[in-house]
């Protein structure tokens, strides 16, 4: 009975350590996912800014073409 109790205690300790390791790994994964989310948001904002700038360039180019044709 004593050996069984000791074995159960050791098993419980191993399980506890394994769960702690798993939790630490999950915390790291969550932190990295959050970083990726921030990077994706930043890239989306940059893409919108680039799109707006390209539209402005296109409009200006079209105005220049129209002025050239009309003159």
PDB file of N, CA and C in Angstrom:
ATOM      1  N   UNK A   1       0.824  -1.197   0.000  1.00  0.00           N
ATOM      2  CA  UNK A   1       0.000   0.000   0.000  1.00  0.00           C
ATOM      3  C   UNK A   1       0.869   1.262   0.000  1.00  0.00           C
ATOM      4  N   UNK A   2       1.946   1.187   0.773  1.00  0.00           N
ATOM      5  CA  UNK A   2       2.837   2.329   0.871  1.00  0.00           C
ATOM      6  C   UNK A   2       3.492   2.621  -0.487  1.00  0.00           C
ATOM      7  N   UNK A   3       3.927   1.558  -1.187  1.00  0.00           N
ATOM      8  CA  UNK A   3       4.544   1.722  -2.509  1.00  0.00           C
ATOM      9  C   UNK A   3       3.553   2.316  -3.502  1.00  0.00           C
ATOM     10  N   UNK A   4       2.318   1.890  -3.414  1.00  0.00           N
ATOM     11  CA  UNK A   4       1.282   2.408  -4.298  1.00  0.00           C
ATOM     12  C   UNK A   4       1.073   3.899  -4.063  1.00  0.00           C
ATOM     13  N   UNK A   5       1.057   4.299  -2.801  1.00  0.00           N
ATOM     14  CA  UNK A   5       0.882   5.717  -2.465  1.00  0.00           C
ATOM     15  C   UNK A   5       2.065   6.529  -2.967  1.00  0.00           C
ATOM     16  N   UNK A   6       3.279   6.002  -2.796  1.00  0.00           N
ATOM     17  CA  UNK A   6       4.471   6.703  -3.253  1.00  0.00           C
ATOM     18  C   UNK A   6       4.476   6.794  -4.780  1.00  0.00           C
ATOM     19  N   UNK A   7       4.115   5.704  -5.425  1.00  0.00           N
ATOM     20  CA  UNK A   7       4.054   5.688  -6.883  1.00  0.00           C
ATOM     21  C   UNK A   7       3.013   6.677  -7.398  1.00  0.00           C
ATOM     22  N   UNK A   8       1.873   6.726  -6.744  1.00  0.00           N
ATOM     23  CA  UNK A   8       0.822   7.675  -7.126  1.00  0.00           C
ATOM     24  C   UNK A   8       1.293   9.104  -6.938  1.00  0.00           C
ATOM     25  N   UNK A   9       2.005   9.357  -5.852  1.00  0.00           N
ATOM     26  CA  UNK A   9       2.526  10.696  -5.579  1.00  0.00           C
ATOM     27  C   UNK A   9       3.540  11.103  -6.646  1.00  0.00           C
ATOM     28  N   UNK A  10       4.430  10.188  -7.010  1.00  0.00           N
ATOM     29  CA  UNK A  10       5.426  10.477  -8.045  1.00  0.00           C
ATOM     30  C   UNK A  10       4.755  10.713  -9.396  1.00  0.00           C
ATOM     31  N   UNK A  11       3.760   9.915  -9.692  1.00  0.00           N
ATOM     32  CA  UNK A  11       3.029  10.088 -10.952  1.00  0.00           C
ATOM     33  C   UNK A  11       2.315  11.434 -10.983  1.00  0.00           C
ATOM     34  N   UNK A  12       1.714  11.798  -9.870  1.00  0.00           N
ATOM     35  CA  UNK A  12       1.021  13.086  -9.788  1.00  0.00           C
ATOM     36  C   UNK A  12       2.003  14.235  -9.980  1.00  0.00           C
ATOM     37  N   UNK A  13       3.200  14.105  -9.418  1.00  0.00           N
ATOM     38  CA  UNK A  13       4.227  15.139  -9.569  1.00  0.00           C
ATOM     39  C   UNK A  13       4.672  15.244 -11.031  1.00  0.00           C
ATOM     40  N   UNK A  14       4.868  14.102 -11.689  1.00  0.00           N
ATOM     41  CA  UNK A  14       5.255  14.106 -13.103  1.00  0.00           C
ATOM     42  C   UNK A  14       4.166  14.746 -13.964  1.00  0.00           C
ATOM     43  N   UNK A  15       2.940  14.410 -13.671  1.00  0.00           N
ATOM     44  CA  UNK A  15       1.813  14.989 -14.414  1.00  0.00           C
ATOM     45  C   UNK A  15       1.760  16.491 -14.196  1.00  0.00           C
ATOM     46  N   UNK A  16       1.977  16.911 -12.960  1.00  0.00           N
ATOM     47  CA  UNK A  16       1.958  18.342 -12.641  1.00  0.00           C
ATOM     48  C   UNK A  16       3.048  19.083 -13.413  1.00  0.00           C
ATOM     49  N   UNK A  17       4.262  18.508 -13.453  1.00  0.00           N
ATOM     50  CA  UNK A  17       5.355  19.137 -14.206  1.00  0.00           C
ATOM     51  C   UNK A  17       5.046  19.176 -15.703  1.00  0.00           C
ATOM     52  N   UNK A  18       4.487  18.090 -16.207  1.00  0.00           N
ATOM     53  CA  UNK A  18       4.143  18.041 -17.632  1.00  0.00           C
ATOM     54  C   UNK A  18       3.095  19.094 -17.968  1.00  0.00           C
ATOM     55  N   UNK A  19       2.104  19.234 -17.104  1.00  0.00           N
ATOM     56  CA  UNK A  19       1.065  20.248 -17.335  1.00  0.00           C
ATOM     57  C   UNK A  19       1.640  21.657 -17.270  1.00  0.00           C
ATOM     58  N   UNK A  20       2.578  21.877 -16.350  1.00  0.00           N
ATOM     59  CA  UNK A  20       3.228  23.191 -16.262  1.00  0.00           C
ATOM     60  C   UNK A  20       4.011  23.492 -17.537  1.00  0.00           C
ATOM     61  N   UNK A  21       4.718  22.476 -18.044  1.00  0.00           N
ATOM     62  CA  UNK A  21       5.472  22.655 -19.292  1.00  0.00           C
ATOM     63  C   UNK A  21       4.536  22.943 -20.464  1.00  0.00           C
ATOM     64  N   UNK A  22       3.423  22.232 -20.518  1.00  0.00           N
ATOM     65  CA  UNK A  22       2.444  22.443 -21.588  1.00  0.00           C
ATOM     66  C   UNK A  22       1.868  23.849 -21.509  1.00  0.00           C
ATOM     67  N   UNK A  23       1.548  24.304 -20.298  1.00  0.00           N
ATOM     68  CA  UNK A  23       1.000  25.656 -20.119  1.00  0.00           C
ATOM     69  C   UNK A  23       2.008  26.705 -20.571  1.00  0.00           C
ATOM     70  N   UNK A  24       3.281  26.520 -20.209  1.00  0.00           N
ATOM     71  CA  UNK A  24       4.316  27.471 -20.626  1.00  0.00           C
ATOM     72  C   UNK A  24       4.433  27.505 -22.151  1.00  0.00           C
ATOM     73  N   UNK A  25       4.375  26.347 -22.781  1.00  0.00           N
ATOM     74  CA  UNK A  25       4.455  26.288 -24.245  1.00  0.00           C
ATOM     75  C   UNK A  25       3.249  26.967 -24.884  1.00  0.00           C
ATOM     76  N   UNK A  26       2.074  26.744 -24.328  1.00  0.00           N
ATOM     77  CA  UNK A  26       0.857  27.379 -24.855  1.00  0.00           C
ATOM     78  C   UNK A  26       0.936  28.890 -24.698  1.00  0.00           C
ATOM     79  N   UNK A  27       1.459  29.351 -23.553  1.00  0.00           N
ATOM     80  CA  UNK A  27       1.610  30.795 -23.342  1.00  0.00           C
ATOM     81  C   UNK A  27       2.526  31.408 -24.396  1.00  0.00           C
ATOM     82  N   UNK A  28       3.609  30.698 -24.741  1.00  0.00           N
ATOM     83  CA  UNK A  28       4.517  31.190 -25.787  1.00  0.00           C
ATOM     84  C   UNK A  28       3.825  31.245 -27.142  1.00  0.00           C
ATOM     85  N   UNK A  29       3.059  30.220 -27.451  1.00  0.00           N
ATOM     86  CA  UNK A  29       2.332  30.185 -28.723  1.00  0.00           C
ATOM     87  C   UNK A  29       1.338  31.339 -28.798  1.00  0.00           C
ATOM     88  N   UNK A  30       0.615  31.574 -27.718  1.00  0.00           N
ATOM     89  CA  UNK A  30      -0.364  32.671 -27.688  1.00  0.00           C
ATOM     90  C   UNK A  30       0.338  34.013 -27.884  1.00  0.00           C
ATOM     91  N   UNK A  31       1.486  34.198 -27.236  1.00  0.00           N
ATOM     92  CA  UNK A  31       2.235  35.447 -27.394  1.00  0.00           C
ATOM     93  C   UNK A  31       2.664  35.641 -28.848  1.00  0.00           C
ATOM     94  N   UNK A  32       3.126  34.581 -29.487  1.00  0.00           N
ATOM     95  CA  UNK A  32       3.537  34.677 -30.890  1.00  0.00           C
ATOM     96  C   UNK A  32       2.346  34.948 -31.806  1.00  0.00           C
ATOM     97  N   UNK A  33       1.217  34.336 -31.515  1.00  0.00           N
ATOM     98  CA  UNK A  33       0.007  34.590 -32.305  1.00  0.00           C
ATOM     99  C   UNK A  33      -0.392  36.057 -32.186  1.00  0.00           C
ATOM    100  N   UNK A  34      -0.291  36.607 -30.983  1.00  0.00           N
ATOM    101  CA  UNK A  34      -0.614  38.024 -30.791  1.00  0.00           C
ATOM    102  C   UNK A  34       0.336  38.917 -31.584  1.00  0.00           C
ATOM    103  N   UNK A  35       1.628  38.559 -31.604  1.00  0.00           N
ATOM    104  CA  UNK A  35       2.597  39.333 -32.392  1.00  0.00           C
ATOM    105  C   UNK A  35       2.241  39.285 -33.878  1.00  0.00           C
ATOM    106  N   UNK A  36       1.900  38.105 -34.361  1.00  0.00           N
ATOM    107  CA  UNK A  36       1.526  37.951 -35.770  1.00  0.00           C
ATOM    108  C   UNK A  36       0.292  38.794 -36.087  1.00  0.00           C
ATOM    109  N   UNK A  37      -0.659  38.823 -35.160  1.00  0.00           N
ATOM    110  CA  UNK A  37      -1.858  39.643 -35.350  1.00  0.00           C
ATOM    111  C   UNK A  37      -1.517  41.117 -35.480  1.00  0.00           C
ATOM    112  N   UNK A  38      -0.599  41.596 -34.640  1.00  0.00           N
ATOM    113  CA  UNK A  38      -0.183  43.000 -34.715  1.00  0.00           C
ATOM    114  C   UNK A  38       0.521  43.295 -36.042  1.00  0.00           C
ATOM    115  N   UNK A  39       1.367  42.378 -36.471  1.00  0.00           N
ATOM    116  CA  UNK A  39       2.070  42.562 -37.746  1.00  0.00           C
ATOM    117  C   UNK A  39       1.074  42.581 -38.903  1.00  0.00           C
ATOM    118  N   UNK A  40       0.113  41.680 -38.873  1.00  0.00           N
ATOM    119  CA  UNK A  40      -0.896  41.629 -39.940  1.00  0.00           C
ATOM    120  C   UNK A  40      -1.705  42.921 -39.983  1.00  0.00           C
ATOM    121  N   UNK A  41      -2.064  43.451 -38.823  1.00  0.00           N
ATOM    122  CA  UNK A  41      -2.817  44.711 -38.774  1.00  0.00           C
ATOM    123  C   UNK A  41      -1.991  45.853 -39.351  1.00  0.00           C
ATOM    124  N   UNK A  42      -0.722  45.877 -39.000  1.00  0.00           N
ATOM    125  CA  UNK A  42       0.167  46.917 -39.514  1.00  0.00           C
ATOM    126  C   UNK A  42       0.308  46.814 -41.030  1.00  0.00           C
ATOM    127  N   UNK A  43       0.445  45.601 -41.530  1.00  0.00           N
ATOM    128  CA  UNK A  43       0.564  45.409 -42.975  1.00  0.00           C
ATOM    129  C   UNK A  43      -0.725  45.794 -43.695  1.00  0.00           C
ATOM    130  N   UNK A  44      -1.854  45.512 -43.083  1.00  0.00           N
ATOM    131  CA  UNK A  44      -3.136  45.889 -43.695  1.00  0.00           C
ATOM    132  C   UNK A  44      -3.241  47.407 -43.793  1.00  0.00           C
ATOM    133  N   UNK A  45      -2.837  48.102 -42.739  1.00  0.00           N
ATOM    134  CA  UNK A  45      -2.877  49.566 -42.761  1.00  0.00           C
ATOM    135  C   UNK A  45      -1.927  50.112 -43.825  1.00  0.00           C
ATOM    136  N   UNK A  46      -0.749  49.531 -43.931  1.00  0.00           N
ATOM    137  CA  UNK A  46       0.209  49.968 -44.954  1.00  0.00           C
ATOM    138  C   UNK A  46      -0.328  49.720 -46.354  1.00  0.00           C
ATOM    139  N   UNK A  47      -0.979  48.597 -46.552  1.00  0.00           N
ATOM    140  CA  UNK A  47      -1.558  48.282 -47.857  1.00  0.00           C
ATOM    141  C   UNK A  47      -2.635  49.287 -48.231  1.00  0.00           C
ATOM    142  N   UNK A  48      -3.461  49.659 -47.276  1.00  0.00           N
ATOM    143  CA  UNK A  48      -4.497  50.669 -47.543  1.00  0.00           C
ATOM    144  C   UNK A  48      -3.865  52.002 -47.911  1.00  0.00           C
ATOM    145  N   UNK A  49      -2.793  52.356 -47.225  1.00  0.00           N
ATOM    146  CA  UNK A  49      -2.099  53.614 -47.514  1.00  0.00           C
ATOM    147  C   UNK A  49      -1.489  53.581 -48.918  1.00  0.00           C
ATOM    148  N   UNK A  50      -0.888  52.470 -49.279  1.00  0.00           N
ATOM    149  CA  UNK A  50      -0.307  52.319 -50.618  1.00  0.00           C
ATOM    150  C   UNK A  50      -1.394  52.404 -51.683  1.00  0.00           C
ATOM    151  N   UNK A  51      -2.519  51.759 -51.437  1.00  0.00           N
ATOM    152  CA  UNK A  51      -3.633  51.793 -52.388  1.00  0.00           C
ATOM    153  C   UNK A  51      -4.121  53.220 -52.594  1.00  0.00           C
ATOM    154  N   UNK A  52      -4.266  53.966 -51.517  1.00  0.00           N
ATOM    155  CA  UNK A  52      -4.721  55.356 -51.624  1.00  0.00           C
ATOM    156  C   UNK A  52      -3.714  56.190 -52.413  1.00  0.00           C
ATOM    157  N   UNK A  53      -2.436  55.981 -52.154  1.00  0.00           N
ATOM    158  CA  UNK A  53      -1.399  56.725 -52.870  1.00  0.00           C
ATOM    159  C   UNK A  53      -1.408  56.382 -54.357  1.00  0.00           C
ATOM    160  N   UNK A  54      -1.561  55.102 -54.678  1.00  0.00           N
ATOM    161  CA  UNK A  54      -1.622  54.700 -56.088  1.00  0.00           C
ATOM    162  C   UNK A  54      -2.844  55.285 -56.790  1.00  0.00           C
ATOM    163  N   UNK A  55      -3.962  55.352 -56.096  1.00  0.00           N
ATOM    164  CA  UNK A  55      -5.156  55.964 -56.684  1.00  0.00           C
ATOM    165  C   UNK A  55      -4.921  57.446 -56.952  1.00  0.00           C
ATOM    166  N   UNK A  56      -4.233  58.101 -56.034  1.00  0.00           N
ATOM    167  CA  UNK A  56      -3.925  59.518 -56.219  1.00  0.00           C
ATOM    168  C   UNK A  56      -2.989  59.709 -57.417  1.00  0.00           C
ATOM    169  N   UNK A  57      -1.989  58.861 -57.544  1.00  0.00           N
ATOM    170  CA  UNK A  57      -1.061  58.932 -58.680  1.00  0.00           C
ATOM    171  C   UNK A  57      -1.804  58.680 -59.990  1.00  0.00           C
ATOM    172  N   UNK A  58      -2.689  57.700 -59.991  1.00  0.00           N
ATOM    173  CA  UNK A  58      -3.474  57.392 -61.188  1.00  0.00           C
ATOM    174  C   UNK A  58      -4.351  58.570 -61.585  1.00  0.00           C
ATOM    175  N   UNK A  59      -4.988  59.193 -60.611  1.00  0.00           N
ATOM    176  CA  UNK A  59      -5.842  60.356 -60.896  1.00  0.00           C
ATOM    177  C   UNK A  59      -5.025  61.505 -61.461  1.00  0.00           C
ATOM    178  N   UNK A  60      -3.868  61.758 -60.877  1.00  0.00           N
ATOM    179  CA  UNK A  60      -3.006  62.835 -61.356  1.00  0.00           C
ATOM    180  C   UNK A  60      -2.512  62.540 -62.772  1.00  0.00           C
ATOM    181  N   UNK A  61      -2.144  61.302 -63.027  1.00  0.00           N
ATOM    182  CA  UNK A  61      -1.693  60.918 -64.368  1.00  0.00           C
ATOM    183  C   UNK A  61      -2.818  61.096 -65.377  1.00  0.00           C
ATOM    184  N   UNK A  62      -4.030  60.735 -64.998  1.00  0.00           N
ATOM    185  CA  UNK A  62      -5.177  60.892 -65.899  1.00  0.00           C
ATOM    186  C   UNK A  62      -5.432  62.368 -66.191  1.00  0.00           C
ATOM    187  N   UNK A  63      -5.305  63.221 -65.181  1.00  0.00           N
ATOM    188  CA  UNK A  63      -5.466  64.665 -65.393  1.00  0.00           C
ATOM    189  C   UNK A  63      -4.421  65.183 -66.376  1.00  0.00           C
ATOM    190  N   UNK A  64      -3.178  64.735 -66.226  1.00  0.00           N
ATOM    191  CA  UNK A  64      -2.114  65.162 -67.140  1.00  0.00           C
ATOM    192  C   UNK A  64      -2.386  64.692 -68.564  1.00  0.00           C
ATOM    193  N   UNK A  65      -2.863  63.471 -68.707  1.00  0.00           N
ATOM    194  CA  UNK A  65      -3.206  62.950 -70.035  1.00  0.00           C
ATOM    195  C   UNK A  65      -4.317  63.790 -70.645  1.00  0.00           C
ATOM    196  N   UNK A  66      -5.349  64.089 -69.874  1.00  0.00           N
ATOM    197  CA  UNK A  66      -6.474  64.893 -70.370  1.00  0.00           C
ATOM    198  C   UNK A  66      -6.014  66.290 -70.777  1.00  0.00           C
ATOM    199  N   UNK A  67      -5.123  66.904 -69.980  1.00  0.00           N
ATOM    200  CA  UNK A  67      -4.621  68.236 -70.317  1.00  0.00           C
ATOM    201  C   UNK A  67      -3.808  68.187 -71.607  1.00  0.00           C
ATOM    202  N   UNK A  68      -3.027  67.129 -71.761  1.00  0.00           N
ATOM    203  CA  UNK A  68      -2.198  66.984 -72.955  1.00  0.00           C
ATOM    204  C   UNK A  68      -3.075  66.818 -74.193  1.00  0.00           C
ATOM    205  N   UNK A  69      -4.124  66.038 -74.077  1.00  0.00           N
ATOM    206  CA  UNK A  69      -5.030  65.801 -75.203  1.00  0.00           C
ATOM    207  C   UNK A  69      -5.792  67.075 -75.552  1.00  0.00           C
ATOM    208  N   UNK A  70      -6.206  67.832 -74.568  1.00  0.00           N
ATOM    209  CA  UNK A  70      -7.014  69.028 -74.790  1.00  0.00           C
ATOM    210  C   UNK A  70      -6.183  70.228 -75.236  1.00  0.00           C
ATOM    211  N   UNK A  71      -4.900  70.164 -75.099  1.00  0.00           N
ATOM    212  CA  UNK A  71      -4.065  71.312 -75.502  1.00  0.00           C
ATOM    213  C   UNK A  71      -3.445  71.086 -76.804  1.00  0.00           C
TER     214      UNK A  71
END
